[in-house]
């Protein structure tokens, strides 16, 4: 019974996502990508960003989230 309830809940969530506005779907995708990038953080990839040493994957994640603007 619990698996059936879990399946119904997951199906309702998926239908809700599919009917959501495109901006929400883009935001959800950006957050997933940012979290994946942060999961790969390692000590050897640190860079000096505005006077602070930080993993470059965190900078990449901030760019994906739109918190840091990239000059083109």
Protein backbone atom coordinates (compact mmCIF):
# COMPACT_ATOMS: atom_id res chain seq x y z
CA UNK A 1 0.00 0.00 0.00
CA UNK A 2 2.81 2.41 0.87
CA UNK A 3 4.49 1.87 -2.52
CA UNK A 4 1.20 2.68 -4.26
CA UNK A 5 0.84 5.88 -2.25
CA UNK A 6 4.47 6.81 -2.99
CA UNK A 7 3.90 6.16 -6.71
CA UNK A 8 0.78 8.36 -6.71
CA UNK A 9 2.64 11.14 -4.91
CA UNK A 10 5.57 10.99 -7.35
CA UNK A 11 3.19 10.99 -10.30
CA UNK A 12 1.35 14.05 -8.94
CA UNK A 13 4.64 15.87 -8.41
CA UNK A 14 5.76 15.06 -11.95
CA UNK A 15 2.47 16.27 -13.45
CA UNK A 16 2.84 19.46 -11.44
CA UNK A 17 6.39 19.99 -12.74
CA UNK A 18 5.32 19.41 -16.33
CA UNK A 19 2.51 21.94 -16.06
CA UNK A 20 4.70 24.54 -14.35
CA UNK A 21 5.84 27.68 -16.05
CA UNK A 22 9.04 27.37 -18.15
CA UNK A 23 10.90 29.73 -15.81
CA UNK A 24 10.33 27.37 -12.89
CA UNK A 25 11.56 24.39 -14.90
CA UNK A 26 14.70 26.31 -15.89
CA UNK A 27 15.32 27.29 -12.26
CA UNK A 28 14.90 23.67 -11.15
CA UNK A 29 17.35 22.48 -13.82
CA UNK A 30 19.89 25.18 -12.93
CA UNK A 31 19.74 24.19 -9.26
CA UNK A 32 20.28 20.51 -10.11
CA UNK A 33 23.32 21.36 -12.25
CA UNK A 34 24.72 23.63 -9.50
CA UNK A 35 24.32 20.89 -6.89
CA UNK A 36 26.07 18.40 -9.17
CA UNK A 37 28.97 20.83 -9.64
CA UNK A 38 29.31 21.39 -5.89
CA UNK A 39 29.42 17.63 -5.34
CA UNK A 40 32.66 17.50 -7.37
CA UNK A 41 34.48 20.08 -5.25
CA UNK A 42 38.04 19.04 -4.43
CA UNK A 43 40.95 20.66 -2.63
CA UNK A 44 43.12 20.93 -5.74
CA UNK A 45 40.67 23.14 -7.64
CA UNK A 46 40.77 26.20 -5.37
CA UNK A 47 41.14 29.65 -6.93
CA UNK A 48 41.45 33.15 -5.52
CA UNK A 49 38.10 34.85 -6.12
CA UNK A 50 37.85 38.44 -4.87
CA UNK A 51 40.45 37.82 -2.18
CA UNK A 52 39.00 34.52 -0.94
CA UNK A 53 40.21 31.03 -1.78
CA UNK A 54 37.27 28.98 -2.98
CA UNK A 55 36.72 25.82 -4.99
CA UNK A 56 36.23 26.68 -8.65
CA UNK A 57 33.22 24.36 -8.75
CA UNK A 58 31.45 26.64 -6.26
CA UNK A 59 32.13 29.58 -8.57
CA UNK A 60 30.76 27.56 -11.49
CA UNK A 61 27.68 26.71 -9.42
CA UNK A 62 27.13 30.40 -8.57
CA UNK A 63 27.35 31.24 -12.29
CA UNK A 64 24.79 28.56 -13.12
CA UNK A 65 22.46 29.93 -10.42
CA UNK A 66 22.89 33.44 -11.85
CA UNK A 67 24.53 34.88 -8.72
CA UNK A 68 27.72 35.78 -10.59
CA UNK A 69 27.53 37.48 -13.96
CA UNK A 70 30.05 36.46 -16.60
CA UNK A 71 31.56 39.15 -18.82
CA UNK A 72 31.55 38.19 -22.47
